[in-house]
Amino acid sequence: MVQGAAVIRFFDILLSVAGLLLASPLLVVIWVLCWFETRSPLFRQVRLGYHRRPFVLLKFRTMRLETRDLPTHLVGAESITPLGRFMRRNKLDELPQLWNVLRGEMSLVGPRPGLPSHSALIDARERRGVFDARPGITGLAQLEGIDMSTPELLASSDARMLQELSSANYFRYIIATVVGGGRGDRVRR
């Protein structure tokens, strides 16, 4: 499904190591700011990855501690902290996922990993072979503003991206994301 999967994995390792090293001062600053805001800087959540294997996704916490464990589109905007709003807008909450990429649980580019409880998305992705690739931090759906609130559309976009994923498209998605393309998962207003 993914053209040049070994080459993409090589770039995943290289770029995640470089990203973790270069962003380490920023990671420390965000960690401290999150600590003062919530006393729990890291958010850990079980997600489904390659071949539907569960793994623990890491992010900086952007929501209050008492927020229920639901897909983001089912959570109210009042759950997002002031720092969390800033981090989500600038995609800084995603930086800890570089560790997931380095560990081989994720790729920089791929379908966003879903929750084990989101059966409609799991079924739609299963039918389209989306679980045959590592999930990613960014991808076509994020750049097009498609989130988990529309599982069939998301799975279709994921499958299309994976069919067309090459080394060139891999870098195109990363660059588009870094320069501000796409947006985070929608939150209810």
Protein backbone atom coordinates (compact mmCIF):
# COMPACT_ATOMS: atom_id res chain seq x y z
CA MET A 1 0.00 0.00 0.00
CA VAL A 2 2.70 2.53 0.98
CA GLN A 3 5.38 2.98 -1.65
CA GLY A 4 8.90 2.77 -0.20
CA ALA A 5 7.84 1.85 3.35
CA ALA A 6 11.46 1.13 4.35
CA VAL A 7 12.60 4.55 3.09
CA ILE A 8 9.75 6.25 4.94
CA ARG A 9 10.64 4.38 8.14
CA PHE A 10 14.25 5.54 7.75
CA PHE A 11 13.06 9.16 7.47
CA ASP A 12 10.73 8.64 10.44
CA ILE A 13 13.67 7.59 12.62
CA LEU A 14 16.00 10.30 11.34
CA LEU A 15 13.44 13.12 11.65
CA SER A 16 12.04 12.02 15.02
CA VAL A 17 15.55 11.86 16.54
CA ALA A 18 16.40 15.26 15.06
CA GLY A 19 13.05 16.68 16.20
CA LEU A 20 13.43 15.39 19.75
CA LEU A 21 16.97 16.75 20.01
CA LEU A 22 16.21 20.15 18.47
CA ALA A 23 12.92 20.59 20.31
CA SER A 24 14.22 19.39 23.69
CA PRO A 25 14.45 22.93 25.19
CA LEU A 26 10.90 23.65 23.99
CA LEU A 27 9.69 20.28 25.34
CA VAL A 28 11.07 21.18 28.77
CA VAL A 29 9.41 24.62 28.74
CA ILE A 30 6.05 23.16 27.70
CA TRP A 31 6.38 20.40 30.30
CA VAL A 32 6.92 22.99 33.06
CA LEU A 33 4.05 25.23 31.86
CA CYS A 34 1.72 22.23 31.67
CA TRP A 35 2.83 21.14 35.13
CA PHE A 36 1.80 24.49 36.59
CA GLU A 37 -1.52 24.42 34.74
CA THR A 38 -2.68 20.84 35.38
CA ARG A 39 -0.02 19.08 37.49
CA SER A 40 -0.10 16.38 34.80
CA PRO A 41 1.80 17.53 31.70
CA LEU A 42 1.59 14.34 29.65
CA PHE A 43 -1.61 12.87 28.32
CA ARG A 44 -1.49 9.14 27.64
CA GLN A 45 -4.24 7.35 25.77
CA VAL A 46 -4.53 3.88 24.29
CA ARG A 47 -4.98 4.07 20.53
CA LEU A 48 -5.05 1.50 17.74
CA GLY A 49 -2.00 1.29 15.53
CA TYR A 50 -0.48 -0.91 12.86
CA HIS A 51 -2.61 -4.04 12.37
CA ARG A 52 -4.97 -2.73 15.10
CA ARG A 53 -2.34 -3.25 17.80
CA PRO A 54 -3.01 -1.03 20.83
CA PHE A 55 -0.30 1.37 21.92
CA VAL A 56 -0.08 4.33 24.30
CA LEU A 57 -0.13 7.64 22.43
CA LEU A 58 1.69 10.53 24.12
CA LYS A 59 0.68 14.18 23.90
CA PHE A 60 0.96 17.24 26.04
CA ARG A 61 -2.22 17.65 28.06
CA THR A 62 -4.52 20.27 26.55
CA MET A 63 -7.69 19.47 28.50
CA ARG A 64 -8.60 19.60 32.15
CA LEU A 65 -7.90 16.48 34.21
CA GLU A 66 -11.58 15.75 34.84
CA THR A 67 -12.38 15.62 31.09
CA ARG A 68 -13.97 12.32 30.07
CA ASP A 69 -11.98 10.00 27.80
CA LEU A 70 -13.88 10.58 24.55
CA PRO A 71 -13.06 11.39 20.95
CA THR A 72 -12.22 15.10 20.77
CA HIS A 73 -15.27 15.99 18.67
CA LEU A 74 -17.47 14.83 21.58
CA VAL A 75 -15.72 17.03 24.16
CA GLY A 76 -16.84 20.59 24.86
CA ALA A 77 -14.55 23.57 24.27
CA GLU A 78 -14.77 24.45 27.98
CA SER A 79 -12.61 21.39 28.69
CA ILE A 80 -9.59 22.90 26.94
CA THR A 81 -7.18 24.83 29.14
CA PRO A 82 -5.85 28.27 28.09
CA LEU A 83 -2.37 26.81 27.44
CA GLY A 84 -4.01 23.84 25.74
CA ARG A 85 -5.81 26.16 23.30
CA PHE A 86 -2.48 27.74 22.34
CA MET A 87 -0.73 24.38 22.01
CA ARG A 88 -3.51 22.87 19.88
CA ARG A 89 -3.59 25.89 17.58
CA ASN A 90 0.19 25.62 17.06
CA LYS A 91 0.28 21.78 17.10
CA LEU A 92 2.76 21.81 20.00
CA ASP A 93 0.71 19.24 21.92
CA GLU A 94 1.74 16.67 19.29
CA LEU A 95 5.51 16.92 19.96
CA PRO A 96 5.69 13.98 22.43
CA GLN A 97 4.43 11.74 19.63
CA LEU A 98 7.93 11.96 18.15
CA TRP A 99 8.73 9.35 20.82
CA ASN A 100 5.91 7.14 19.46
CA VAL A 101 7.43 7.55 15.98
CA LEU A 102 10.92 6.65 17.19
CA ARG A 103 9.55 3.53 18.92
CA GLY A 104 7.92 2.42 15.65
CA GLU A 105 4.35 2.76 16.93
CA MET A 106 3.66 5.66 14.59
CA SER A 107 4.98 7.40 11.51
CA LEU A 108 5.26 11.13 10.96
CA VAL A 109 2.73 10.72 8.12
CA GLY A 110 -0.23 8.38 8.25
CA PRO A 111 -3.82 8.07 9.42
CA ARG A 112 -4.42 9.51 12.90
CA PRO A 113 -4.67 6.63 15.37
CA GLY A 114 -8.21 6.06 16.59
CA LEU A 115 -9.62 5.00 19.91
CA PRO A 116 -10.41 1.30 20.52
CA SER A 117 -13.98 2.34 21.38
CA HIS A 118 -14.64 4.11 18.06
CA SER A 119 -16.15 1.09 16.30
CA ALA A 120 -17.55 2.99 13.28
CA LEU A 121 -14.06 4.28 12.42
CA ILE A 122 -12.45 0.90 13.10
CA ASP A 123 -14.90 -0.85 10.76
CA ALA A 124 -14.49 1.77 8.02
CA ARG A 125 -10.70 1.61 8.22
CA GLU A 126 -10.69 -2.20 8.32
CA ARG A 127 -12.71 -2.37 5.08
CA ARG A 128 -10.23 -0.05 3.37
CA GLY A 129 -6.99 -1.64 4.62
CA VAL A 130 -5.94 1.45 6.60
CA PHE A 131 -4.60 -0.66 9.47
CA ASP A 132 -1.93 -2.05 7.10
CA ALA A 133 0.11 1.11 7.73
CA ARG A 134 1.47 2.82 10.81
CA PRO A 135 -0.71 5.65 12.09
CA GLY A 136 0.76 9.12 11.79
CA ILE A 137 1.03 12.51 13.42
CA THR A 138 -0.18 14.22 10.25
CA GLY A 139 -1.68 13.29 6.93
CA LEU A 140 -4.14 14.15 4.22
CA ALA A 141 -7.20 14.15 6.50
CA GLN A 142 -5.61 16.64 8.90
CA LEU A 143 -4.65 18.94 6.04
CA GLU A 144 -8.18 18.73 4.63
CA GLY A 145 -9.79 19.33 8.04
CA ILE A 146 -11.42 15.88 8.25
CA ASP A 147 -11.62 14.51 11.77
CA MET A 148 -13.03 11.49 13.60
CA SER A 149 -16.55 12.92 13.66
CA THR A 150 -17.02 11.62 10.09
CA PRO A 151 -15.61 8.06 10.21
CA GLU A 152 -16.46 6.99 6.64
CA LEU A 153 -15.01 10.19 5.14
CA LEU A 154 -11.94 9.92 7.36
CA ALA A 155 -11.31 6.27 6.45
CA SER A 156 -11.76 7.07 2.75
CA SER A 157 -9.29 9.97 2.98
CA ASP A 158 -6.81 7.79 4.91
CA ALA A 159 -7.01 5.03 2.28
CA ARG A 160 -6.51 7.52 -0.55
CA MET A 161 -3.49 9.03 1.20
CA LEU A 162 -1.93 5.60 1.76
CA GLN A 163 -2.46 4.64 -1.89
CA GLU A 164 -0.62 7.79 -2.98
CA LEU A 165 1.98 7.90 -0.20
CA SER A 166 5.49 8.16 -1.61
CA SER A 167 8.65 9.76 -0.25
CA ALA A 168 7.74 12.98 -2.07
CA ASN A 169 4.20 13.06 -0.64
CA TYR A 170 5.56 12.20 2.81
CA PHE A 171 7.65 15.37 2.80
CA ARG A 172 4.84 17.39 1.21
CA TYR A 173 2.48 16.50 4.09
CA ILE A 174 5.13 17.28 6.72
CA ILE A 175 6.02 20.65 5.17
CA ALA A 176 2.35 21.61 4.73
CA THR A 177 1.72 20.80 8.40
CA VAL A 178 4.80 22.66 9.68
CA VAL A 179 3.89 25.83 7.76
CA GLY A 180 0.44 25.85 9.31
CA GLY A 181 -1.72 23.65 7.11
CA GLY A 182 -4.55 21.67 8.61
CA ARG A 183 -6.06 21.89 12.03
CA GLY A 184 -6.54 19.75 15.08
CA ASP A 185 -9.54 17.62 15.86
CA ARG A 186 -12.73 19.61 16.10
CA VAL A 187 -14.09 20.36 19.56
CA ARG A 188 -17.78 21.05 20.26
CA ARG A 189 -18.57 24.70 20.90
